[in-house]
């Protein structure tokens, strides 16, 4: 049934067009020029703080107080220990 896929060929692929596109966009061709043009066209302004995260459009917000964060961390660590202790030992020998 899958014999129609053998040998693997692309009958509808235009080899001249593929070759010219590859020559145009490869690193030895004109890809570097295209990349430079794209980078120049991308002119997003930095965020108000000018920090790395703000430049990427990320805002850091505080959801928990330091005490609340420590309590959440301890709750998660205790739950992990409880889960680990309840797992049955399995011998893979």
PDB file of N, CA and C in Angstrom:
ATOM      1  N   UNK A   1       0.821  -1.191   0.000  1.00  0.00           N
ATOM      2  CA  UNK A   1       0.000   0.000   0.000  1.00  0.00           C
ATOM      3  C   UNK A   1       0.872   1.264   0.000  1.00  0.00           C
ATOM      4  N   UNK A   2       1.945   1.254   0.792  1.00  0.00           N
ATOM      5  CA  UNK A   2       2.813   2.417   0.845  1.00  0.00           C
ATOM      6  C   UNK A   2       3.894   2.386  -0.233  1.00  0.00           C
ATOM      7  N   UNK A   3       3.835   1.413  -1.115  1.00  0.00           N
ATOM      8  CA  UNK A   3       4.835   1.313  -2.172  1.00  0.00           C
ATOM      9  C   UNK A   3       4.807   2.509  -3.113  1.00  0.00           C
ATOM     10  N   UNK A   4       3.670   3.207  -3.150  1.00  0.00           N
ATOM     11  CA  UNK A   4       3.590   4.364  -4.043  1.00  0.00           C
ATOM     12  C   UNK A   4       4.522   5.486  -3.586  1.00  0.00           C
ATOM     13  N   UNK A   5       4.967   5.429  -2.317  1.00  0.00           N
ATOM     14  CA  UNK A   5       5.871   6.452  -1.803  1.00  0.00           C
ATOM     15  C   UNK A   5       7.328   6.161  -2.155  1.00  0.00           C
ATOM     16  N   UNK A   6       7.607   4.975  -2.678  1.00  0.00           N
ATOM     17  CA  UNK A   6       8.987   4.607  -3.005  1.00  0.00           C
ATOM     18  C   UNK A   6       9.190   4.636  -4.504  1.00  0.00           C
ATOM     19  N   UNK A   7      10.249   5.061  -5.059  1.00  0.00           N
ATOM     20  CA  UNK A   7      11.274   5.868  -4.389  1.00  0.00           C
ATOM     21  C   UNK A   7      10.744   7.261  -4.133  1.00  0.00           C
ATOM     22  N   UNK A   8      11.286   7.920  -3.120  1.00  0.00           N
ATOM     23  CA  UNK A   8      10.814   9.232  -2.726  1.00  0.00           C
ATOM     24  C   UNK A   8      11.218  10.254  -3.784  1.00  0.00           C
ATOM     25  N   UNK A   9      10.244  10.862  -4.418  1.00  0.00           N
ATOM     26  CA  UNK A   9      10.533  11.893  -5.418  1.00  0.00           C
ATOM     27  C   UNK A   9       9.542  13.029  -5.259  1.00  0.00           C
ATOM     28  N   UNK A  10       9.970  14.196  -5.662  1.00  0.00           N
ATOM     29  CA  UNK A  10       9.104  15.363  -5.674  1.00  0.00           C
ATOM     30  C   UNK A  10       8.865  15.707  -7.135  1.00  0.00           C
ATOM     31  N   UNK A  11       7.776  15.251  -7.672  1.00  0.00           N
ATOM     32  CA  UNK A  11       7.518  15.468  -9.093  1.00  0.00           C
ATOM     33  C   UNK A  11       7.101  16.898  -9.401  1.00  0.00           C
ATOM     34  N   UNK A  12       6.529  17.610  -8.419  1.00  0.00           N
ATOM     35  CA  UNK A  12       6.023  18.951  -8.671  1.00  0.00           C
ATOM     36  C   UNK A  12       7.014  20.041  -8.259  1.00  0.00           C
ATOM     37  N   UNK A  13       8.193  19.673  -7.828  1.00  0.00           N
ATOM     38  CA  UNK A  13       9.164  20.647  -7.378  1.00  0.00           C
ATOM     39  C   UNK A  13       9.939  21.199  -8.567  1.00  0.00           C
ATOM     40  N   UNK A  14       9.971  22.496  -8.690  1.00  0.00           N
ATOM     41  CA  UNK A  14      10.676  23.153  -9.780  1.00  0.00           C
ATOM     42  C   UNK A  14      12.143  23.289  -9.385  1.00  0.00           C
ATOM     43  N   UNK A  15      12.999  22.496  -9.991  1.00  0.00           N
ATOM     44  CA  UNK A  15      14.400  22.464  -9.584  1.00  0.00           C
ATOM     45  C   UNK A  15      15.115  23.782  -9.866  1.00  0.00           C
ATOM     46  N   UNK A  16      14.776  24.476 -10.941  1.00  0.00           N
ATOM     47  CA  UNK A  16      15.423  25.770 -11.240  1.00  0.00           C
ATOM     48  C   UNK A  16      15.052  26.812 -10.186  1.00  0.00           C
ATOM     49  N   UNK A  17      13.780  26.837  -9.845  1.00  0.00           N
ATOM     50  CA  UNK A  17      13.322  27.813  -8.852  1.00  0.00           C
ATOM     51  C   UNK A  17      13.898  27.491  -7.479  1.00  0.00           C
ATOM     52  N   UNK A  18      13.936  26.216  -7.121  1.00  0.00           N
ATOM     53  CA  UNK A  18      14.500  25.812  -5.841  1.00  0.00           C
ATOM     54  C   UNK A  18      15.973  26.181  -5.770  1.00  0.00           C
ATOM     55  N   UNK A  19      16.698  25.913  -6.829  1.00  0.00           N
ATOM     56  CA  UNK A  19      18.123  26.251  -6.855  1.00  0.00           C
ATOM     57  C   UNK A  19      18.362  27.734  -6.747  1.00  0.00           C
ATOM     58  N   UNK A  20      17.550  28.533  -7.424  1.00  0.00           N
ATOM     59  CA  UNK A  20      17.751  29.984  -7.372  1.00  0.00           C
ATOM     60  C   UNK A  20      17.387  30.530  -5.988  1.00  0.00           C
ATOM     61  N   UNK A  21      16.332  29.977  -5.379  1.00  0.00           N
ATOM     62  CA  UNK A  21      15.963  30.429  -4.032  1.00  0.00           C
ATOM     63  C   UNK A  21      17.055  30.066  -3.035  1.00  0.00           C
ATOM     64  N   UNK A  22      17.588  28.872  -3.163  1.00  0.00           N
ATOM     65  CA  UNK A  22      18.652  28.444  -2.256  1.00  0.00           C
ATOM     66  C   UNK A  22      19.889  29.315  -2.434  1.00  0.00           C
ATOM     67  N   UNK A  23      20.240  29.627  -3.664  1.00  0.00           N
ATOM     68  CA  UNK A  23      21.405  30.478  -3.931  1.00  0.00           C
ATOM     69  C   UNK A  23      21.171  31.897  -3.417  1.00  0.00           C
ATOM     70  N   UNK A  24      19.921  32.363  -3.484  1.00  0.00           N
ATOM     71  CA  UNK A  24      19.602  33.712  -3.055  1.00  0.00           C
ATOM     72  C   UNK A  24      19.661  33.854  -1.539  1.00  0.00           C
ATOM     73  N   UNK A  25      19.198  32.835  -0.809  1.00  0.00           N
ATOM     74  CA  UNK A  25      19.042  32.971   0.634  1.00  0.00           C
ATOM     75  C   UNK A  25      20.094  32.253   1.470  1.00  0.00           C
ATOM     76  N   UNK A  26      20.985  31.499   0.887  1.00  0.00           N
ATOM     77  CA  UNK A  26      21.963  30.819   1.731  1.00  0.00           C
ATOM     78  C   UNK A  26      22.996  31.811   2.248  1.00  0.00           C
ATOM     79  N   UNK A  27      23.805  31.377   3.197  1.00  0.00           N
ATOM     80  CA  UNK A  27      24.757  32.274   3.845  1.00  0.00           C
ATOM     81  C   UNK A  27      25.785  32.818   2.860  1.00  0.00           C
ATOM     82  N   UNK A  28      26.110  32.069   1.829  1.00  0.00           N
ATOM     83  CA  UNK A  28      27.071  32.538   0.840  1.00  0.00           C
ATOM     84  C   UNK A  28      26.403  33.411  -0.211  1.00  0.00           C
ATOM     85  N   UNK A  29      25.090  33.363  -0.233  1.00  0.00           N
ATOM     86  CA  UNK A  29      24.348  34.162  -1.206  1.00  0.00           C
ATOM     87  C   UNK A  29      23.972  35.496  -0.601  1.00  0.00           C
ATOM     88  N   UNK A  30      22.659  35.773  -0.513  1.00  0.00           N
ATOM     89  CA  UNK A  30      22.221  37.100  -0.088  1.00  0.00           C
ATOM     90  C   UNK A  30      21.468  37.068   1.220  1.00  0.00           C
ATOM     91  N   UNK A  31      21.541  35.965   1.951  1.00  0.00           N
ATOM     92  CA  UNK A  31      20.811  35.887   3.216  1.00  0.00           C
ATOM     93  C   UNK A  31      21.297  36.952   4.192  1.00  0.00           C
ATOM     94  N   UNK A  32      22.602  37.173   4.243  1.00  0.00           N
ATOM     95  CA  UNK A  32      23.135  38.164   5.179  1.00  0.00           C
ATOM     96  C   UNK A  32      22.569  39.551   4.900  1.00  0.00           C
ATOM     97  N   UNK A  33      22.432  39.901   3.619  1.00  0.00           N
ATOM     98  CA  UNK A  33      21.858  41.195   3.266  1.00  0.00           C
ATOM     99  C   UNK A  33      20.391  41.273   3.693  1.00  0.00           C
ATOM    100  N   UNK A  34      19.669  40.191   3.437  1.00  0.00           N
ATOM    101  CA  UNK A  34      18.255  40.136   3.812  1.00  0.00           C
ATOM    102  C   UNK A  34      18.108  40.255   5.324  1.00  0.00           C
ATOM    103  N   UNK A  35      18.943  39.555   6.060  1.00  0.00           N
ATOM    104  CA  UNK A  35      18.896  39.585   7.517  1.00  0.00           C
ATOM    105  C   UNK A  35      19.187  40.996   8.036  1.00  0.00           C
ATOM    106  N   UNK A  36      20.188  41.662   7.473  1.00  0.00           N
ATOM    107  CA  UNK A  36      20.523  43.020   7.893  1.00  0.00           C
ATOM    108  C   UNK A  36      19.359  43.970   7.619  1.00  0.00           C
ATOM    109  N   UNK A  37      18.709  43.824   6.464  1.00  0.00           N
ATOM    110  CA  UNK A  37      17.577  44.678   6.136  1.00  0.00           C
ATOM    111  C   UNK A  37      16.435  44.462   7.135  1.00  0.00           C
ATOM    112  N   UNK A  38      16.164  43.209   7.486  1.00  0.00           N
ATOM    113  CA  UNK A  38      15.096  42.905   8.442  1.00  0.00           C
ATOM    114  C   UNK A  38      15.412  43.505   9.812  1.00  0.00           C
ATOM    115  N   UNK A  39      16.662  43.381  10.244  1.00  0.00           N
ATOM    116  CA  UNK A  39      17.051  43.929  11.541  1.00  0.00           C
ATOM    117  C   UNK A  39      16.920  45.450  11.560  1.00  0.00           C
ATOM    118  N   UNK A  40      17.259  46.106  10.467  1.00  0.00           N
ATOM    119  CA  UNK A  40      17.125  47.560  10.395  1.00  0.00           C
ATOM    120  C   UNK A  40      15.656  47.977  10.417  1.00  0.00           C
ATOM    121  N   UNK A  41      14.794  47.183   9.798  1.00  0.00           N
ATOM    122  CA  UNK A  41      13.370  47.510   9.735  1.00  0.00           C
ATOM    123  C   UNK A  41      12.677  47.286  11.080  1.00  0.00           C
ATOM    124  N   UNK A  42      13.261  46.473  11.925  1.00  0.00           N
ATOM    125  CA  UNK A  42      12.666  46.168  13.221  1.00  0.00           C
ATOM    126  C   UNK A  42      13.104  47.252  14.200  1.00  0.00           C
ATOM    127  N   UNK A  43      12.236  48.200  14.462  1.00  0.00           N
ATOM    128  CA  UNK A  43      12.646  49.354  15.258  1.00  0.00           C
ATOM    129  C   UNK A  43      11.819  49.517  16.524  1.00  0.00           C
ATOM    130  N   UNK A  44      11.554  48.413  17.215  1.00  0.00           N
ATOM    131  CA  UNK A  44      10.795  48.503  18.457  1.00  0.00           C
ATOM    132  C   UNK A  44      11.593  49.299  19.482  1.00  0.00           C
ATOM    133  N   UNK A  45      10.939  50.231  20.140  1.00  0.00           N
ATOM    134  CA  UNK A  45      11.584  51.072  21.137  1.00  0.00           C
ATOM    135  C   UNK A  45      11.684  50.324  22.460  1.00  0.00           C
ATOM    136  N   UNK A  46      12.738  50.571  23.243  1.00  0.00           N
ATOM    137  CA  UNK A  46      12.855  49.932  24.546  1.00  0.00           C
ATOM    138  C   UNK A  46      11.753  50.380  25.489  1.00  0.00           C
ATOM    139  N   UNK A  47      11.488  49.565  26.474  1.00  0.00           N
ATOM    140  CA  UNK A  47      10.469  49.897  27.463  1.00  0.00           C
ATOM    141  C   UNK A  47      10.864  51.117  28.285  1.00  0.00           C
ATOM    142  N   UNK A  48       9.951  51.549  29.147  1.00  0.00           N
ATOM    143  CA  UNK A  48      10.193  52.770  29.905  1.00  0.00           C
ATOM    144  C   UNK A  48      11.377  52.641  30.852  1.00  0.00           C
ATOM    145  N   UNK A  49      11.614  51.452  31.390  1.00  0.00           N
ATOM    146  CA  UNK A  49      12.737  51.271  32.305  1.00  0.00           C
ATOM    147  C   UNK A  49      14.021  51.012  31.547  1.00  0.00           C
ATOM    148  N   UNK A  50      13.914  50.572  30.294  1.00  0.00           N
ATOM    149  CA  UNK A  50      15.109  50.307  29.503  1.00  0.00           C
ATOM    150  C   UNK A  50      15.815  49.029  29.897  1.00  0.00           C
ATOM    151  N   UNK A  51      15.231  48.237  30.795  1.00  0.00           N
ATOM    152  CA  UNK A  51      15.856  46.984  31.207  1.00  0.00           C
ATOM    153  C   UNK A  51      15.687  45.906  30.151  1.00  0.00           C
ATOM    154  N   UNK A  52      16.430  44.811  30.310  1.00  0.00           N
ATOM    155  CA  UNK A  52      16.382  43.717  29.341  1.00  0.00           C
ATOM    156  C   UNK A  52      14.981  43.127  29.252  1.00  0.00           C
ATOM    157  N   UNK A  53      14.341  42.886  30.401  1.00  0.00           N
ATOM    158  CA  UNK A  53      12.993  42.313  30.373  1.00  0.00           C
ATOM    159  C   UNK A  53      11.996  43.274  29.746  1.00  0.00           C
ATOM    160  N   UNK A  54      12.098  44.532  30.080  1.00  0.00           N
ATOM    161  CA  UNK A  54      11.174  45.515  29.518  1.00  0.00           C
ATOM    162  C   UNK A  54      11.371  45.636  28.010  1.00  0.00           C
ATOM    163  N   UNK A  55      12.597  45.533  27.552  1.00  0.00           N
ATOM    164  CA  UNK A  55      12.854  45.605  26.114  1.00  0.00           C
ATOM    165  C   UNK A  55      12.210  44.443  25.377  1.00  0.00           C
ATOM    166  N   UNK A  56      12.077  43.301  26.050  1.00  0.00           N
ATOM    167  CA  UNK A  56      11.440  42.136  25.443  1.00  0.00           C
ATOM    168  C   UNK A  56       9.928  42.142  25.647  1.00  0.00           C
ATOM    169  N   UNK A  57       9.398  43.181  26.270  1.00  0.00           N
ATOM    170  CA  UNK A  57       7.957  43.279  26.470  1.00  0.00           C
ATOM    171  C   UNK A  57       7.460  42.483  27.665  1.00  0.00           C
ATOM    172  N   UNK A  58       8.348  42.208  28.611  1.00  0.00           N
ATOM    173  CA  UNK A  58       7.974  41.418  29.788  1.00  0.00           C
ATOM    174  C   UNK A  58       7.926  42.339  30.988  1.00  0.00           C
ATOM    175  N   UNK A  59       6.874  42.210  31.770  1.00  0.00           N
ATOM    176  CA  UNK A  59       6.740  43.014  32.977  1.00  0.00           C
ATOM    177  C   UNK A  59       6.773  42.087  34.182  1.00  0.00           C
ATOM    178  N   UNK A  60       7.609  42.396  35.137  1.00  0.00           N
ATOM    179  CA  UNK A  60       7.701  41.602  36.357  1.00  0.00           C
ATOM    180  C   UNK A  60       6.752  42.211  37.380  1.00  0.00           C
ATOM    181  N   UNK A  61       5.842  41.379  37.888  1.00  0.00           N
ATOM    182  CA  UNK A  61       4.914  41.856  38.909  1.00  0.00           C
ATOM    183  C   UNK A  61       5.103  41.027  40.173  1.00  0.00           C
ATOM    184  N   UNK A  62       4.829  41.624  41.306  1.00  0.00           N
ATOM    185  CA  UNK A  62       4.956  40.938  42.590  1.00  0.00           C
ATOM    186  C   UNK A  62       3.582  40.402  42.973  1.00  0.00           C
ATOM    187  N   UNK A  63       3.485  39.084  43.094  1.00  0.00           N
ATOM    188  CA  UNK A  63       2.205  38.463  43.443  1.00  0.00           C
ATOM    189  C   UNK A  63       2.142  38.098  44.923  1.00  0.00           C
ATOM    190  N   UNK A  64       3.285  37.766  45.488  1.00  0.00           N
ATOM    191  CA  UNK A  64       3.339  37.347  46.888  1.00  0.00           C
ATOM    192  C   UNK A  64       4.340  38.205  47.641  1.00  0.00           C
ATOM    193  N   UNK A  65       4.060  38.376  48.902  1.00  0.00           N
ATOM    194  CA  UNK A  65       5.047  39.034  49.759  1.00  0.00           C
ATOM    195  C   UNK A  65       6.193  38.050  49.984  1.00  0.00           C
ATOM    196  N   UNK A  66       7.334  38.517  50.440  1.00  0.00           N
ATOM    197  CA  UNK A  66       8.428  37.576  50.734  1.00  0.00           C
ATOM    198  C   UNK A  66       8.016  36.473  51.692  1.00  0.00           C
ATOM    199  N   UNK A  67       7.205  36.811  52.691  1.00  0.00           N
ATOM    200  CA  UNK A  67       6.727  35.799  53.653  1.00  0.00           C
ATOM    201  C   UNK A  67       5.807  34.802  52.961  1.00  0.00           C
ATOM    202  N   UNK A  68       4.900  35.293  52.133  1.00  0.00           N
ATOM    203  CA  UNK A  68       3.988  34.418  51.402  1.00  0.00           C
ATOM    204  C   UNK A  68       4.724  33.507  50.438  1.00  0.00           C
ATOM    205  N   UNK A  69       5.760  34.036  49.790  1.00  0.00           N
ATOM    206  CA  UNK A  69       6.554  33.222  48.869  1.00  0.00           C
ATOM    207  C   UNK A  69       7.282  32.115  49.623  1.00  0.00           C
ATOM    208  N   UNK A  70       7.830  32.430  50.787  1.00  0.00           N
ATOM    209  CA  UNK A  70       8.531  31.418  51.593  1.00  0.00           C
ATOM    210  C   UNK A  70       7.554  30.339  52.063  1.00  0.00           C
ATOM    211  N   UNK A  71       6.358  30.730  52.475  1.00  0.00           N
ATOM    212  CA  UNK A  71       5.355  29.759  52.904  1.00  0.00           C
ATOM    213  C   UNK A  71       4.946  28.851  51.744  1.00  0.00           C
ATOM    214  N   UNK A  72       4.749  29.430  50.557  1.00  0.00           N
ATOM    215  CA  UNK A  72       4.388  28.625  49.388  1.00  0.00           C
ATOM    216  C   UNK A  72       5.507  27.646  49.046  1.00  0.00           C
ATOM    217  N   UNK A  73       6.750  28.104  49.147  1.00  0.00           N
ATOM    218  CA  UNK A  73       7.894  27.228  48.873  1.00  0.00           C
ATOM    219  C   UNK A  73       7.927  26.064  49.855  1.00  0.00           C
ATOM    220  N   UNK A  74       7.736  26.348  51.133  1.00  0.00           N
ATOM    221  CA  UNK A  74       7.757  25.280  52.142  1.00  0.00           C
ATOM    222  C   UNK A  74       6.601  24.299  51.929  1.00  0.00           C
ATOM    223  N   UNK A  75       5.416  24.808  51.580  1.00  0.00           N
ATOM    224  CA  UNK A  75       4.271  23.924  51.298  1.00  0.00           C
ATOM    225  C   UNK A  75       4.582  22.995  50.124  1.00  0.00           C
ATOM    226  N   UNK A  76       5.193  23.534  49.072  1.00  0.00           N
ATOM    227  CA  UNK A  76       5.522  22.713  47.907  1.00  0.00           C
ATOM    228  C   UNK A  76       6.598  21.679  48.230  1.00  0.00           C
ATOM    229  N   UNK A  77       7.602  22.071  48.994  1.00  0.00           N
ATOM    230  CA  UNK A  77       8.642  21.116  49.379  1.00  0.00           C
ATOM    231  C   UNK A  77       8.070  19.996  50.243  1.00  0.00           C
ATOM    232  N   UNK A  78       7.164  20.331  51.175  1.00  0.00           N
ATOM    233  CA  UNK A  78       6.545  19.310  52.027  1.00  0.00           C
ATOM    234  C   UNK A  78       5.674  18.370  51.189  1.00  0.00           C
ATOM    235  N   UNK A  79       4.932  18.908  50.227  1.00  0.00           N
ATOM    236  CA  UNK A  79       4.104  18.067  49.367  1.00  0.00           C
ATOM    237  C   UNK A  79       4.975  17.141  48.522  1.00  0.00           C
ATOM    238  N   UNK A  80       6.123  17.620  48.069  1.00  0.00           N
ATOM    239  CA  UNK A  80       7.027  16.786  47.285  1.00  0.00           C
ATOM    240  C   UNK A  80       7.598  15.664  48.122  1.00  0.00           C
ATOM    241  N   UNK A  81       7.969  15.964  49.368  1.00  0.00           N
ATOM    242  CA  UNK A  81       8.489  14.922  50.259  1.00  0.00           C
ATOM    243  C   UNK A  81       7.418  13.872  50.549  1.00  0.00           C
ATOM    244  N   UNK A  82       6.185  14.309  50.788  1.00  0.00           N
ATOM    245  CA  UNK A  82       5.082  13.385  51.059  1.00  0.00           C
ATOM    246  C   UNK A  82       4.843  12.483  49.846  1.00  0.00           C
ATOM    247  N   UNK A  83       4.848  13.058  48.659  1.00  0.00           N
ATOM    248  CA  UNK A  83       4.645  12.279  47.438  1.00  0.00           C
ATOM    249  C   UNK A  83       5.774  11.279  47.249  1.00  0.00           C
ATOM    250  N   UNK A  84       7.005  11.727  47.458  1.00  0.00           N
ATOM    251  CA  UNK A  84       8.166  10.850  47.261  1.00  0.00           C
ATOM    252  C   UNK A  84       8.118   9.678  48.241  1.00  0.00           C
ATOM    253  N   UNK A  85       7.710   9.956  49.495  1.00  0.00           N
ATOM    254  CA  UNK A  85       7.653   8.896  50.504  1.00  0.00           C
ATOM    255  C   UNK A  85       6.541   7.890  50.221  1.00  0.00           C
ATOM    256  N   UNK A  86       5.486   8.317  49.530  1.00  0.00           N
ATOM    257  CA  UNK A  86       4.351   7.429  49.277  1.00  0.00           C
ATOM    258  C   UNK A  86       4.521   6.579  48.024  1.00  0.00           C
ATOM    259  N   UNK A  87       5.554   6.875  47.220  1.00  0.00           N
ATOM    260  CA  UNK A  87       5.774   6.080  46.003  1.00  0.00           C
ATOM    261  C   UNK A  87       6.298   4.696  46.376  1.00  0.00           C
ATOM    262  N   UNK A  88       5.758   3.653  45.754  1.00  0.00           N
ATOM    263  CA  UNK A  88       6.263   2.313  46.027  1.00  0.00           C
ATOM    264  C   UNK A  88       7.656   2.120  45.418  1.00  0.00           C
ATOM    265  N   UNK A  89       8.491   1.349  46.131  1.00  0.00           N
ATOM    266  CA  UNK A  89       9.798   1.019  45.577  1.00  0.00           C
ATOM    267  C   UNK A  89       9.618  -0.029  44.493  1.00  0.00           C
ATOM    268  N   UNK A  90      10.248   0.207  43.366  1.00  0.00           N
ATOM    269  CA  UNK A  90      10.153  -0.709  42.237  1.00  0.00           C
ATOM    270  C   UNK A  90      11.546  -1.220  41.923  1.00  0.00           C
ATOM    271  N   UNK A  91      11.660  -2.525  41.832  1.00  0.00           N
ATOM    272  CA  UNK A  91      12.936  -3.112  41.450  1.00  0.00           C
ATOM    273  C   UNK A  91      12.956  -3.314  39.939  1.00  0.00           C
ATOM    274  N   UNK A  92      13.890  -2.683  39.277  1.00  0.00           N
ATOM    275  CA  UNK A  92      13.997  -2.794  37.835  1.00  0.00           C
ATOM    276  C   UNK A  92      15.027  -3.846  37.427  1.00  0.00           C
ATOM    277  N   UNK A  93      15.486  -4.625  38.398  1.00  0.00           N
ATOM    278  CA  UNK A  93      16.519  -5.629  38.119  1.00  0.00           C
ATOM    279  C   UNK A  93      15.990  -6.746  37.249  1.00  0.00           C
TER     280      UNK A  93
END
